[in-house]
Amino acid sequence: DIIEIAKEKPKTIFGFKTARTPSREIVTVKDLVIGYDEPLTRPLNFSIERNQKIAIKGVNGLGKSTLLNTILGKIKPISGEIEHGQFLSIGYFKQEEESTSTPALNEFWNEFPGLTNAEARAALARCGLTNNHITSQMKVLSGGENAKVRLAKIMNREINFLVLDEPTNHLDIDAKEELKRAIKEFAGTVLIVSHEPDFYLEVATEVWNVEDWTTKII
């Protein structure tokens, strides 16, 4: 009889590189109303300070992702002002990203052409991706594998403001624990949207609930 030895699960190692120290106020918003055609919130006034780690929670559809995209300048606010601090280097993880037919290695390497083939492969392998994953097209990877490629891109840059939109949606338990550890150790500012208290309560210094801001009836 041929005995098949179970393949060892690749170990995931996450870690974020820190950029230069930014100004004390990372983001300041004044009378900010977010939304598309209609307002999703009452006017908001808050600031995010250097090295804060903030989790945003609340039921879906109230504007958690919209808030992140508005803060980052990807969506225009309905009204109000947003001011960014100086020397911000942002690492942004989208909740979902359209998958392409590009192999994972090329997806990563295209953003870091200065790396050798071996260095690019090593960066992806550290995130728990096998050679089979690395050579596969992004669209055939599982949600968790896809997320690891996108996290690898953020981890290869120097950042001081980490913005994560539902980063644990597709990650396995081990990868979630490793991401939690990496966020705790990151010497910068963090803004996380999450619906998993077991994940965000251990890393957040403050928790914001969008249900407190919404104009919708919950």
N, C-alpha and C. Protein backbone atom coordinates (compact mmCIF):
# COMPACT_ATOMS: atom_id res chain seq x y z
N ASP A 1 0.83 -1.20 0.00
CA ASP A 1 0.00 0.00 0.00
C ASP A 1 0.87 1.25 0.00
N ILE A 2 0.44 2.26 -0.77
CA ILE A 2 1.14 3.54 -0.79
C ILE A 2 0.51 4.44 0.26
N ILE A 3 1.33 4.90 1.18
CA ILE A 3 0.82 5.79 2.23
C ILE A 3 1.11 7.22 1.82
N GLU A 4 0.05 8.03 1.75
CA GLU A 4 0.23 9.45 1.41
C GLU A 4 0.48 10.24 2.68
N ILE A 5 1.58 10.97 2.70
CA ILE A 5 1.90 11.81 3.84
C ILE A 5 1.15 13.14 3.67
N ALA A 6 0.43 13.51 4.71
CA ALA A 6 -0.33 14.76 4.64
C ALA A 6 0.63 15.94 4.44
N LYS A 7 0.27 16.81 3.51
CA LYS A 7 1.11 17.98 3.25
C LYS A 7 1.06 18.93 4.44
N GLU A 8 2.22 19.43 4.80
CA GLU A 8 2.27 20.38 5.91
C GLU A 8 1.68 21.71 5.47
N LYS A 9 0.83 22.25 6.32
CA LYS A 9 0.19 23.52 6.00
C LYS A 9 1.24 24.63 6.06
N PRO A 10 1.33 25.46 5.01
CA PRO A 10 2.34 26.53 5.04
C PRO A 10 2.07 27.51 6.17
N LYS A 11 3.14 27.95 6.82
CA LYS A 11 3.01 28.87 7.95
C LYS A 11 2.83 30.29 7.43
N THR A 12 1.92 31.02 8.03
CA THR A 12 1.67 32.41 7.65
C THR A 12 2.40 33.34 8.60
N ILE A 13 3.18 34.26 8.05
CA ILE A 13 3.88 35.25 8.87
C ILE A 13 3.57 36.64 8.31
N PHE A 14 2.80 37.41 9.06
CA PHE A 14 2.47 38.77 8.65
C PHE A 14 3.34 39.77 9.42
N GLY A 15 3.57 40.92 8.81
CA GLY A 15 4.32 41.98 9.47
C GLY A 15 4.28 43.23 8.62
N PHE A 16 4.07 44.38 9.25
CA PHE A 16 3.96 45.64 8.51
C PHE A 16 5.19 46.51 8.74
N LYS A 17 5.72 47.08 7.65
CA LYS A 17 6.88 47.96 7.75
C LYS A 17 6.40 49.38 8.08
N THR A 18 7.10 50.03 8.97
CA THR A 18 6.69 51.35 9.42
C THR A 18 7.41 52.46 8.67
N ALA A 19 6.65 53.41 8.16
CA ALA A 19 7.22 54.59 7.48
C ALA A 19 7.57 55.64 8.53
N ARG A 20 8.05 56.78 8.06
CA ARG A 20 8.44 57.87 8.97
C ARG A 20 7.25 58.31 9.81
N THR A 21 7.54 58.92 10.93
CA THR A 21 6.48 59.37 11.86
C THR A 21 5.68 60.51 11.24
N PRO A 22 4.35 60.37 11.18
CA PRO A 22 3.52 61.46 10.63
C PRO A 22 3.21 62.50 11.70
N SER A 23 2.41 63.50 11.33
CA SER A 23 1.99 64.52 12.30
C SER A 23 1.06 63.88 13.34
N ARG A 24 0.82 64.59 14.43
CA ARG A 24 0.04 64.02 15.54
C ARG A 24 -1.39 63.74 15.12
N GLU A 25 -2.00 64.67 14.37
CA GLU A 25 -3.37 64.46 13.88
C GLU A 25 -3.29 63.76 12.53
N ILE A 26 -3.77 62.55 12.46
CA ILE A 26 -3.73 61.78 11.20
C ILE A 26 -4.87 62.22 10.28
N VAL A 27 -6.08 62.25 10.81
CA VAL A 27 -7.26 62.69 10.06
C VAL A 27 -8.14 63.52 10.98
N THR A 28 -8.64 64.65 10.49
CA THR A 28 -9.59 65.46 11.24
C THR A 28 -10.79 65.72 10.33
N VAL A 29 -11.99 65.42 10.81
CA VAL A 29 -13.18 65.70 10.01
C VAL A 29 -14.09 66.67 10.74
N LYS A 30 -14.71 67.56 9.97
CA LYS A 30 -15.58 68.59 10.54
C LYS A 30 -16.92 68.57 9.80
N ASP A 31 -17.99 68.33 10.54
CA ASP A 31 -19.35 68.31 9.99
C ASP A 31 -19.44 67.41 8.75
N LEU A 32 -18.80 66.27 8.81
CA LEU A 32 -18.74 65.35 7.67
C LEU A 32 -20.03 64.54 7.55
N VAL A 33 -20.64 64.59 6.38
CA VAL A 33 -21.80 63.75 6.06
C VAL A 33 -21.41 62.87 4.89
N ILE A 34 -21.52 61.54 5.09
CA ILE A 34 -21.13 60.61 4.03
C ILE A 34 -22.36 60.01 3.37
N GLY A 35 -22.16 59.48 2.17
CA GLY A 35 -23.24 58.83 1.44
C GLY A 35 -23.03 58.99 -0.05
N TYR A 36 -23.97 58.51 -0.81
CA TYR A 36 -23.92 58.64 -2.27
C TYR A 36 -25.01 59.62 -2.70
N ASP A 37 -26.19 59.11 -2.99
CA ASP A 37 -27.30 60.01 -3.35
C ASP A 37 -27.95 60.61 -2.12
N GLU A 38 -27.98 59.82 -1.05
CA GLU A 38 -28.61 60.29 0.19
C GLU A 38 -27.63 60.17 1.35
N PRO A 39 -27.76 61.04 2.35
CA PRO A 39 -26.86 60.96 3.51
C PRO A 39 -27.03 59.64 4.27
N LEU A 40 -25.90 59.08 4.70
CA LEU A 40 -25.94 57.87 5.52
C LEU A 40 -25.73 58.19 7.00
N THR A 41 -25.22 59.41 7.27
CA THR A 41 -24.93 59.78 8.66
C THR A 41 -25.38 61.20 8.94
N ARG A 42 -25.50 61.48 10.21
CA ARG A 42 -25.62 62.87 10.65
C ARG A 42 -24.23 63.50 10.53
N PRO A 43 -24.08 64.81 10.67
CA PRO A 43 -22.75 65.42 10.58
C PRO A 43 -21.80 64.87 11.66
N LEU A 44 -20.62 64.46 11.23
CA LEU A 44 -19.64 63.84 12.13
C LEU A 44 -18.47 64.79 12.38
N ASN A 45 -18.02 64.80 13.62
CA ASN A 45 -16.83 65.57 13.98
C ASN A 45 -15.94 64.67 14.82
N PHE A 46 -14.77 64.35 14.30
CA PHE A 46 -13.83 63.52 15.06
C PHE A 46 -12.43 63.70 14.49
N SER A 47 -11.47 63.23 15.26
CA SER A 47 -10.09 63.20 14.76
C SER A 47 -9.48 61.85 15.11
N ILE A 48 -8.55 61.43 14.27
CA ILE A 48 -7.78 60.21 14.51
C ILE A 48 -6.35 60.65 14.77
N GLU A 49 -5.83 60.25 15.92
CA GLU A 49 -4.49 60.68 16.29
C GLU A 49 -3.47 59.58 16.04
N ARG A 50 -2.23 60.01 15.90
CA ARG A 50 -1.13 59.09 15.64
C ARG A 50 -1.12 57.94 16.66
N ASN A 51 -0.96 56.73 16.15
CA ASN A 51 -0.83 55.50 16.93
C ASN A 51 -2.14 55.01 17.56
N GLN A 52 -3.25 55.68 17.28
CA GLN A 52 -4.54 55.11 17.70
C GLN A 52 -4.83 53.88 16.85
N LYS A 53 -5.51 52.93 17.46
CA LYS A 53 -5.99 51.75 16.71
C LYS A 53 -7.50 51.68 16.93
N ILE A 54 -8.25 52.06 15.89
CA ILE A 54 -9.71 52.23 16.00
C ILE A 54 -10.43 51.14 15.20
N ALA A 55 -11.40 50.50 15.83
CA ALA A 55 -12.26 49.53 15.13
C ALA A 55 -13.62 50.18 14.90
N ILE A 56 -14.18 49.94 13.71
CA ILE A 56 -15.52 50.45 13.39
C ILE A 56 -16.44 49.25 13.22
N LYS A 57 -17.52 49.23 14.00
CA LYS A 57 -18.45 48.11 13.94
C LYS A 57 -19.84 48.63 13.60
N GLY A 58 -20.77 47.70 13.40
CA GLY A 58 -22.16 48.08 13.11
C GLY A 58 -22.73 47.19 12.02
N VAL A 59 -24.05 47.13 11.95
CA VAL A 59 -24.70 46.27 10.96
C VAL A 59 -24.37 46.76 9.55
N ASN A 60 -24.49 45.85 8.58
CA ASN A 60 -24.16 46.19 7.19
C ASN A 60 -25.14 47.22 6.62
N GLY A 61 -24.63 48.02 5.69
CA GLY A 61 -25.49 48.96 4.97
C GLY A 61 -25.57 50.34 5.58
N LEU A 62 -24.80 50.57 6.67
CA LEU A 62 -24.88 51.88 7.33
C LEU A 62 -23.71 52.79 6.97
N GLY A 63 -22.79 52.30 6.15
CA GLY A 63 -21.75 53.20 5.64
C GLY A 63 -20.35 53.00 6.18
N LYS A 64 -20.05 51.80 6.71
CA LYS A 64 -18.70 51.57 7.25
C LYS A 64 -17.64 51.71 6.15
N SER A 65 -17.84 50.99 5.03
CA SER A 65 -16.89 51.08 3.92
C SER A 65 -16.92 52.46 3.28
N THR A 66 -18.10 53.06 3.22
CA THR A 66 -18.23 54.41 2.65
C THR A 66 -17.42 55.41 3.48
N LEU A 67 -17.44 55.24 4.80
CA LEU A 67 -16.67 56.13 5.66
C LEU A 67 -15.17 56.00 5.36
N LEU A 68 -14.69 54.77 5.26
CA LEU A 68 -13.26 54.58 4.95
C LEU A 68 -12.91 55.23 3.63
N ASN A 69 -13.70 54.97 2.60
CA ASN A 69 -13.42 55.51 1.27
C ASN A 69 -13.51 57.03 1.23
N THR A 70 -14.39 57.59 2.07
CA THR A 70 -14.50 59.06 2.12
C THR A 70 -13.28 59.64 2.83
N ILE A 71 -12.88 59.04 3.93
CA ILE A 71 -11.69 59.49 4.66
C ILE A 71 -10.46 59.44 3.76
N LEU A 72 -10.38 58.40 2.93
CA LEU A 72 -9.20 58.22 2.06
C LEU A 72 -9.28 59.06 0.78
N GLY A 73 -10.41 59.76 0.58
CA GLY A 73 -10.53 60.63 -0.58
C GLY A 73 -10.95 59.91 -1.85
N LYS A 74 -11.43 58.66 -1.71
CA LYS A 74 -11.86 57.89 -2.88
C LYS A 74 -13.32 58.19 -3.25
N ILE A 75 -14.07 58.70 -2.27
CA ILE A 75 -15.47 59.11 -2.48
C ILE A 75 -15.60 60.53 -1.93
N LYS A 76 -16.32 61.38 -2.65
CA LYS A 76 -16.54 62.73 -2.15
C LYS A 76 -17.62 62.71 -1.08
N PRO A 77 -17.44 63.49 -0.01
CA PRO A 77 -18.49 63.57 1.01
C PRO A 77 -19.69 64.35 0.49
N ILE A 78 -20.84 64.12 1.07
CA ILE A 78 -22.01 64.93 0.73
C ILE A 78 -21.79 66.36 1.21
N SER A 79 -21.20 66.48 2.39
CA SER A 79 -20.84 67.81 2.90
C SER A 79 -19.79 67.63 3.99
N GLY A 80 -19.17 68.74 4.39
CA GLY A 80 -18.18 68.70 5.45
C GLY A 80 -16.75 68.70 4.93
N GLU A 81 -15.82 68.69 5.85
CA GLU A 81 -14.40 68.80 5.51
C GLU A 81 -13.61 67.63 6.09
N ILE A 82 -12.57 67.23 5.34
CA ILE A 82 -11.63 66.20 5.81
C ILE A 82 -10.23 66.76 5.64
N GLU A 83 -9.48 66.71 6.70
CA GLU A 83 -8.09 67.18 6.63
C GLU A 83 -7.15 66.05 7.01
N HIS A 84 -6.17 65.78 6.13
CA HIS A 84 -5.17 64.76 6.41
C HIS A 84 -3.94 65.41 7.05
N GLY A 85 -3.29 64.65 7.93
CA GLY A 85 -2.04 65.11 8.52
C GLY A 85 -0.90 65.05 7.52
N GLN A 86 0.27 65.45 7.97
CA GLN A 86 1.44 65.44 7.10
C GLN A 86 2.14 64.09 7.14
N PHE A 87 2.81 63.79 6.03
CA PHE A 87 3.66 62.59 5.90
C PHE A 87 2.91 61.27 6.07
N LEU A 88 1.66 61.23 5.60
CA LEU A 88 0.90 59.98 5.69
C LEU A 88 1.33 59.02 4.58
N SER A 89 1.56 57.78 4.98
CA SER A 89 1.81 56.68 4.02
C SER A 89 0.76 55.62 4.33
N ILE A 90 -0.22 55.49 3.44
CA ILE A 90 -1.41 54.67 3.73
C ILE A 90 -1.32 53.30 3.10
N GLY A 91 -1.67 52.29 3.88
CA GLY A 91 -1.85 50.93 3.37
C GLY A 91 -3.32 50.58 3.48
N TYR A 92 -3.98 50.36 2.35
CA TYR A 92 -5.45 50.17 2.35
C TYR A 92 -5.81 48.79 1.82
N PHE A 93 -6.54 48.04 2.64
CA PHE A 93 -7.05 46.72 2.26
C PHE A 93 -8.55 46.84 2.01
N LYS A 94 -8.95 46.66 0.74
CA LYS A 94 -10.37 46.73 0.39
C LYS A 94 -11.09 45.46 0.84
N GLN A 95 -12.38 45.61 1.12
CA GLN A 95 -13.18 44.44 1.52
C GLN A 95 -13.22 43.41 0.40
N GLU A 96 -13.49 43.85 -0.80
CA GLU A 96 -13.50 42.96 -1.96
C GLU A 96 -12.77 43.66 -3.10
N GLU A 97 -12.10 42.90 -3.92
CA GLU A 97 -11.42 43.46 -5.07
C GLU A 97 -11.66 42.53 -6.26
N GLU A 98 -11.90 43.12 -7.41
CA GLU A 98 -12.20 42.31 -8.60
C GLU A 98 -10.98 41.46 -8.95
N SER A 99 -11.20 40.15 -9.07
CA SER A 99 -10.11 39.24 -9.39
C SER A 99 -9.85 39.23 -10.89
N THR A 100 -8.58 39.07 -11.23
CA THR A 100 -8.17 39.09 -12.64
C THR A 100 -7.58 37.75 -13.03
N SER A 101 -7.23 37.63 -14.31
CA SER A 101 -6.58 36.40 -14.79
C SER A 101 -5.06 36.48 -14.64
N THR A 102 -4.58 37.53 -13.98
CA THR A 102 -3.14 37.68 -13.73
C THR A 102 -2.69 36.68 -12.67
N PRO A 103 -1.58 35.97 -12.89
CA PRO A 103 -1.05 35.08 -11.84
C PRO A 103 -0.70 35.88 -10.59
N ALA A 104 -0.82 35.24 -9.44
CA ALA A 104 -0.57 35.93 -8.17
C ALA A 104 0.84 36.53 -8.13
N LEU A 105 1.83 35.81 -8.64
CA LEU A 105 3.20 36.32 -8.64
C LEU A 105 3.29 37.64 -9.41
N ASN A 106 2.68 37.68 -10.59
CA ASN A 106 2.72 38.90 -11.41
C ASN A 106 1.92 40.03 -10.77
N GLU A 107 0.79 39.68 -10.15
CA GLU A 107 -0.04 40.67 -9.45
C GLU A 107 0.80 41.41 -8.41
N PHE A 108 1.61 40.66 -7.70
CA PHE A 108 2.49 41.24 -6.68
C PHE A 108 3.70 41.93 -7.31
N TRP A 109 4.33 41.25 -8.22
CA TRP A 109 5.59 41.70 -8.81
C TRP A 109 5.42 42.99 -9.62
N ASN A 110 4.24 43.15 -10.26
CA ASN A 110 3.97 44.36 -11.05
C ASN A 110 4.08 45.63 -10.20
N GLU A 111 3.78 45.49 -8.91
CA GLU A 111 3.85 46.66 -8.01
C GLU A 111 5.25 46.85 -7.43
N PHE A 112 6.06 45.80 -7.50
CA PHE A 112 7.42 45.87 -6.94
C PHE A 112 8.43 45.31 -7.95
N PRO A 113 8.53 45.96 -9.12
CA PRO A 113 9.39 45.43 -10.18
C PRO A 113 10.87 45.40 -9.82
N GLY A 114 11.25 46.12 -8.76
CA GLY A 114 12.65 46.11 -8.35
C GLY A 114 13.08 44.84 -7.64
N LEU A 115 12.11 44.02 -7.23
CA LEU A 115 12.43 42.76 -6.56
C LEU A 115 12.84 41.70 -7.56
N THR A 116 13.68 40.78 -7.13
CA THR A 116 13.99 39.62 -7.98
C THR A 116 12.82 38.64 -7.91
N ASN A 117 12.83 37.68 -8.82
CA ASN A 117 11.80 36.65 -8.82
C ASN A 117 11.77 35.93 -7.47
N ALA A 118 12.95 35.61 -6.96
CA ALA A 118 13.04 34.89 -5.69
C ALA A 118 12.50 35.73 -4.53
N GLU A 119 12.79 37.03 -4.54
CA GLU A 119 12.31 37.91 -3.47
C GLU A 119 10.80 38.06 -3.50
N ALA A 120 10.24 38.18 -4.71
CA ALA A 120 8.79 38.29 -4.85
C ALA A 120 8.11 37.01 -4.37
N ARG A 121 8.67 35.87 -4.76
CA ARG A 121 8.11 34.58 -4.32
C ARG A 121 8.20 34.43 -2.80
N ALA A 122 9.33 34.86 -2.24
CA ALA A 122 9.52 34.74 -0.79
C ALA A 122 8.52 35.60 -0.03
N ALA A 123 8.24 36.80 -0.55
CA ALA A 123 7.28 37.70 0.11
C ALA A 123 5.89 37.07 0.14
N LEU A 124 5.51 36.41 -0.94
CA LEU A 124 4.20 35.74 -1.00
C LEU A 124 4.19 34.49 -0.13
N ALA A 125 5.30 33.76 -0.13
CA ALA A 125 5.38 32.54 0.67
C ALA A 125 5.25 32.84 2.16
N ARG A 126 5.81 33.98 2.59
CA ARG A 126 5.70 34.36 4.01
C ARG A 126 4.24 34.54 4.44
N CYS A 127 3.41 34.89 3.47
CA CYS A 127 1.97 35.08 3.78
C CYS A 127 1.19 33.77 3.72
N GLY A 128 1.91 32.65 3.64
CA GLY A 128 1.25 31.35 3.68
C GLY A 128 0.79 30.83 2.34
N LEU A 129 1.38 31.33 1.25
CA LEU A 129 1.00 30.90 -0.10
C LEU A 129 2.01 29.88 -0.63
N THR A 130 1.51 28.80 -1.20
CA THR A 130 2.38 27.77 -1.75
C THR A 130 2.79 28.14 -3.17
N ASN A 131 3.70 27.37 -3.73
CA ASN A 131 4.13 27.61 -5.12
C ASN A 131 2.95 27.49 -6.07
N ASN A 132 2.03 26.57 -5.76
CA ASN A 132 0.84 26.38 -6.59
C ASN A 132 -0.04 27.64 -6.57
N HIS A 133 -0.20 28.23 -5.39
CA HIS A 133 -0.98 29.47 -5.27
C HIS A 133 -0.30 30.60 -6.05
N ILE A 134 1.02 30.71 -5.86
CA ILE A 134 1.78 31.82 -6.44
C ILE A 134 1.71 31.83 -7.96
N THR A 135 1.62 30.66 -8.56
CA THR A 135 1.59 30.58 -10.03
C THR A 135 0.16 30.54 -10.58
N SER A 136 -0.84 30.52 -9.70
CA SER A 136 -2.24 30.48 -10.14
C SER A 136 -2.77 31.88 -10.42
N GLN A 137 -3.79 31.95 -11.29
CA GLN A 137 -4.44 33.23 -11.57
C GLN A 137 -5.21 33.70 -10.34
N MET A 138 -5.27 35.00 -10.17
CA MET A 138 -5.97 35.57 -9.01
C MET A 138 -7.42 35.09 -8.94
N LYS A 139 -8.06 34.95 -10.09
CA LYS A 139 -9.49 34.61 -10.10
C LYS A 139 -9.77 33.17 -9.69
N VAL A 140 -8.75 32.31 -9.69
CA VAL A 140 -8.99 30.92 -9.27
C VAL A 140 -8.57 30.68 -7.82
N LEU A 141 -7.94 31.66 -7.20
CA LEU A 141 -7.58 31.52 -5.80
C LEU A 141 -8.82 31.63 -4.91
N SER A 142 -8.75 31.01 -3.74
CA SER A 142 -9.85 31.14 -2.78
C SER A 142 -9.85 32.57 -2.22
N GLY A 143 -10.91 32.93 -1.52
CA GLY A 143 -10.98 34.26 -0.94
C GLY A 143 -9.83 34.53 0.02
N GLY A 144 -9.46 33.51 0.82
CA GLY A 144 -8.37 33.67 1.77
C GLY A 144 -7.03 33.83 1.10
N GLU A 145 -6.79 33.04 0.03
CA GLU A 145 -5.52 33.13 -0.70
C GLU A 145 -5.42 34.50 -1.39
N ASN A 146 -6.53 34.94 -1.97
CA ASN A 146 -6.59 36.25 -2.63
C ASN A 146 -6.26 37.36 -1.63
N ALA A 147 -6.85 37.26 -0.43
CA ALA A 147 -6.60 38.26 0.61
C ALA A 147 -5.13 38.29 1.01
N LYS A 148 -4.49 37.13 1.05
CA LYS A 148 -3.07 37.06 1.44
C LYS A 148 -2.19 37.75 0.40
N VAL A 149 -2.54 37.63 -0.88
CA VAL A 149 -1.76 38.33 -1.92
C VAL A 149 -1.90 39.83 -1.73
N ARG A 150 -3.12 40.28 -1.46
CA ARG A 150 -3.35 41.72 -1.28
C ARG A 150 -2.69 42.25 -0.01
N LEU A 151 -2.67 41.43 1.05
CA LEU A 151 -1.98 41.83 2.27
C LEU A 151 -0.47 41.88 2.04
N ALA A 152 0.04 40.94 1.23
CA ALA A 152 1.48 40.92 0.93
C ALA A 152 1.90 42.24 0.27
N LYS A 153 1.05 42.79 -0.59
CA LYS A 153 1.38 44.07 -1.24
C LYS A 153 1.51 45.18 -0.21
N ILE A 154 0.59 45.22 0.76
CA ILE A 154 0.65 46.25 1.79
C ILE A 154 1.90 46.07 2.66
N MET A 155 2.22 44.81 2.96
CA MET A 155 3.34 44.52 3.85
C MET A 155 4.70 44.83 3.21
N ASN A 156 4.73 44.94 1.91
CA ASN A 156 6.01 45.22 1.25
C ASN A 156 6.27 46.72 1.11
N ARG A 157 5.33 47.55 1.59
CA ARG A 157 5.52 49.00 1.55
C ARG A 157 5.73 49.53 2.97
N GLU A 158 6.40 50.66 3.07
CA GLU A 158 6.50 51.33 4.37
C GLU A 158 5.26 52.20 4.55
N ILE A 159 4.54 51.98 5.63
CA ILE A 159 3.28 52.70 5.87
C ILE A 159 3.25 53.20 7.31
N ASN A 160 2.38 54.18 7.57
CA ASN A 160 2.16 54.61 8.95
C ASN A 160 0.68 54.74 9.29
N PHE A 161 -0.18 54.47 8.29
CA PHE A 161 -1.64 54.49 8.52
C PHE A 161 -2.23 53.28 7.80
N LEU A 162 -2.63 52.28 8.59
CA LEU A 162 -3.14 51.02 8.05
C LEU A 162 -4.66 51.03 8.11
N VAL A 163 -5.31 50.90 6.95
CA VAL A 163 -6.77 50.94 6.86
C VAL A 163 -7.25 49.60 6.31
N LEU A 164 -8.00 48.87 7.13
CA LEU A 164 -8.42 47.51 6.78
C LEU A 164 -9.94 47.40 6.79
N ASP A 165 -10.51 47.00 5.66
CA ASP A 165 -11.96 46.85 5.55
C ASP A 165 -12.31 45.37 5.53
N GLU A 166 -12.79 44.87 6.65
CA GLU A 166 -13.17 43.46 6.81
C GLU A 166 -12.02 42.53 6.37
N PRO A 167 -10.84 42.65 6.97
CA PRO A 167 -9.70 41.86 6.50
C PRO A 167 -9.80 40.37 6.80
N THR A 168 -10.65 40.00 7.77
CA THR A 168 -10.69 38.59 8.19
C THR A 168 -11.77 37.76 7.51
N ASN A 169 -12.53 38.37 6.60
CA ASN A 169 -13.69 37.69 6.00
C ASN A 169 -13.37 36.28 5.49
N HIS A 170 -12.22 36.11 4.84
CA HIS A 170 -11.92 34.82 4.20
C HIS A 170 -10.71 34.12 4.81
N LEU A 171 -10.14 34.69 5.87
CA LEU A 171 -8.93 34.10 6.44
C LEU A 171 -9.27 32.95 7.38
N ASP A 172 -8.40 31.94 7.41
CA ASP A 172 -8.58 30.84 8.36
C ASP A 172 -8.17 31.31 9.76
N ILE A 173 -8.43 30.48 10.75
CA ILE A 173 -8.20 30.86 12.14
C ILE A 173 -6.74 31.24 12.40
N ASP A 174 -5.81 30.43 11.87
CA ASP A 174 -4.39 30.70 12.10
C ASP A 174 -3.98 32.04 11.49
N ALA A 175 -4.46 32.31 10.29
CA ALA A 175 -4.12 33.57 9.60
C ALA A 175 -4.72 34.77 10.35
N LYS A 176 -5.93 34.59 10.89
CA LYS A 176 -6.55 35.68 11.67
C LYS A 176 -5.72 36.00 12.91
N GLU A 177 -5.28 34.95 13.59
CA GLU A 177 -4.47 35.16 14.80
C GLU A 177 -3.16 35.85 14.45
N GLU A 178 -2.57 35.46 13.33
CA GLU A 178 -1.30 36.06 12.92
C GLU A 178 -1.49 37.52 12.51
N LEU A 179 -2.62 37.82 11.84
CA LEU A 179 -2.91 39.20 11.46
C LEU A 179 -3.14 40.05 12.71
N LYS A 180 -3.84 39.48 13.67
CA LYS A 180 -4.08 40.18 14.95
C LYS A 180 -2.74 40.53 15.60
N ARG A 181 -1.82 39.57 15.63
CA ARG A 181 -0.50 39.80 16.23
C ARG A 181 0.24 40.91 15.49
N ALA A 182 0.20 40.86 14.14
CA ALA A 182 0.92 41.84 13.33
C ALA A 182 0.37 43.25 13.53
N ILE A 183 -0.96 43.37 13.67
CA ILE A 183 -1.57 44.69 13.90
C ILE A 183 -1.18 45.23 15.27
N LYS A 184 -1.18 44.34 16.27
CA LYS A 184 -0.77 44.77 17.62
C LYS A 184 0.66 45.32 17.60
N GLU A 185 1.53 44.67 16.84
CA GLU A 185 2.94 45.05 16.82
C GLU A 185 3.23 46.24 15.90
N PHE A 186 2.31 46.56 15.02
CA PHE A 186 2.52 47.66 14.07
C PHE A 186 2.62 48.99 14.80
N ALA A 187 3.72 49.70 14.58
CA ALA A 187 3.96 50.96 15.29
C ALA A 187 3.40 52.13 14.48
N GLY A 188 2.10 52.08 14.22
CA GLY A 188 1.46 53.14 13.44
C GLY A 188 -0.01 53.23 13.81
N THR A 189 -0.76 53.96 13.02
CA THR A 189 -2.19 54.18 13.25
C THR A 189 -2.98 53.14 12.46
N VAL A 190 -4.06 52.64 13.06
CA VAL A 190 -4.86 51.59 12.41
C VAL A 190 -6.34 51.96 12.48
N LEU A 191 -7.03 51.75 11.36
CA LEU A 191 -8.48 51.92 11.27
C LEU A 191 -9.03 50.64 10.65
N ILE A 192 -9.83 49.89 11.43
CA ILE A 192 -10.33 48.59 10.96
C ILE A 192 -11.84 48.58 10.97
N VAL A 193 -12.42 48.13 9.86
CA VAL A 193 -13.85 47.78 9.86
C VAL A 193 -13.92 46.28 10.08
N SER A 194 -14.69 45.86 11.07
CA SER A 194 -14.78 44.42 11.35
C SER A 194 -16.10 44.11 12.03
N HIS A 195 -16.59 42.88 11.78
CA HIS A 195 -17.80 42.42 12.46
C HIS A 195 -17.45 41.28 13.43
N GLU A 196 -16.15 41.10 13.69
CA GLU A 196 -15.71 40.01 14.57
C GLU A 196 -15.09 40.57 15.85
N PRO A 197 -15.88 40.66 16.93
CA PRO A 197 -15.35 41.19 18.19
C PRO A 197 -14.11 40.44 18.69
N ASP A 198 -14.08 39.12 18.47
CA ASP A 198 -12.92 38.33 18.91
C ASP A 198 -11.64 38.83 18.25
N PHE A 199 -11.78 39.41 17.07
CA PHE A 199 -10.61 39.93 16.35
C PHE A 199 -10.28 41.36 16.79
N TYR A 200 -11.26 42.26 16.68
CA TYR A 200 -10.91 43.67 16.86
C TYR A 200 -10.76 44.11 18.31
N LEU A 201 -11.43 43.44 19.25
CA LEU A 201 -11.34 43.90 20.64
C LEU A 201 -9.94 43.75 21.22
N GLU A 202 -9.17 42.82 20.67
CA GLU A 202 -7.81 42.61 21.18
C GLU A 202 -6.80 43.59 20.60
N VAL A 203 -7.16 44.25 19.50
CA VAL A 203 -6.19 45.16 18.88
C VAL A 203 -6.60 46.63 18.98
N ALA A 204 -7.88 46.90 19.18
CA ALA A 204 -8.37 48.29 19.13
C ALA A 204 -8.19 49.00 20.47
N THR A 205 -7.76 50.26 20.38
CA THR A 205 -7.72 51.10 21.57
C THR A 205 -9.06 51.83 21.74
N GLU A 206 -9.88 51.80 20.68
CA GLU A 206 -11.17 52.48 20.70
C GLU A 206 -12.10 51.80 19.69
N VAL A 207 -13.39 51.71 20.00
CA VAL A 207 -14.36 51.11 19.08
C VAL A 207 -15.45 52.13 18.78
N TRP A 208 -15.70 52.35 17.48
CA TRP A 208 -16.77 53.25 17.05
C TRP A 208 -17.89 52.41 16.46
N ASN A 209 -19.13 52.78 16.77
CA ASN A 209 -20.30 52.07 16.27
C ASN A 209 -21.06 52.97 15.30
N VAL A 210 -21.12 52.59 14.02
CA VAL A 210 -21.81 53.43 13.03
C VAL A 210 -23.31 53.54 13.31
N GLU A 211 -23.83 52.63 14.11
CA GLU A 211 -25.24 52.70 14.45
C GLU A 211 -25.55 53.96 15.28
N ASP A 212 -24.52 54.53 15.90
CA ASP A 212 -24.71 55.77 16.66
C ASP A 212 -24.79 56.99 15.76
N TRP A 213 -24.37 56.84 14.50
CA TRP A 213 -24.29 57.98 13.59
C TRP A 213 -25.35 57.97 12.49
N THR A 214 -25.95 56.82 12.29
CA THR A 214 -26.75 56.62 11.08
C THR A 214 -28.02 57.48 11.05
N THR A 215 -28.45 57.79 9.83
CA THR A 215 -29.74 58.47 9.64
C THR A 215 -30.82 57.45 9.31
N LYS A 216 -30.40 56.18 9.17
CA LYS A 216 -31.37 55.13 8.83
C LYS A 216 -32.04 54.59 10.10
N ILE A 217 -33.20 54.01 9.91
CA ILE A 217 -33.88 53.34 11.02
C ILE A 217 -33.38 51.92 11.05
N ILE A 218 -32.79 51.52 12.18
CA ILE A 218 -32.20 50.16 12.27
C ILE A 218 -33.26 49.17 12.72
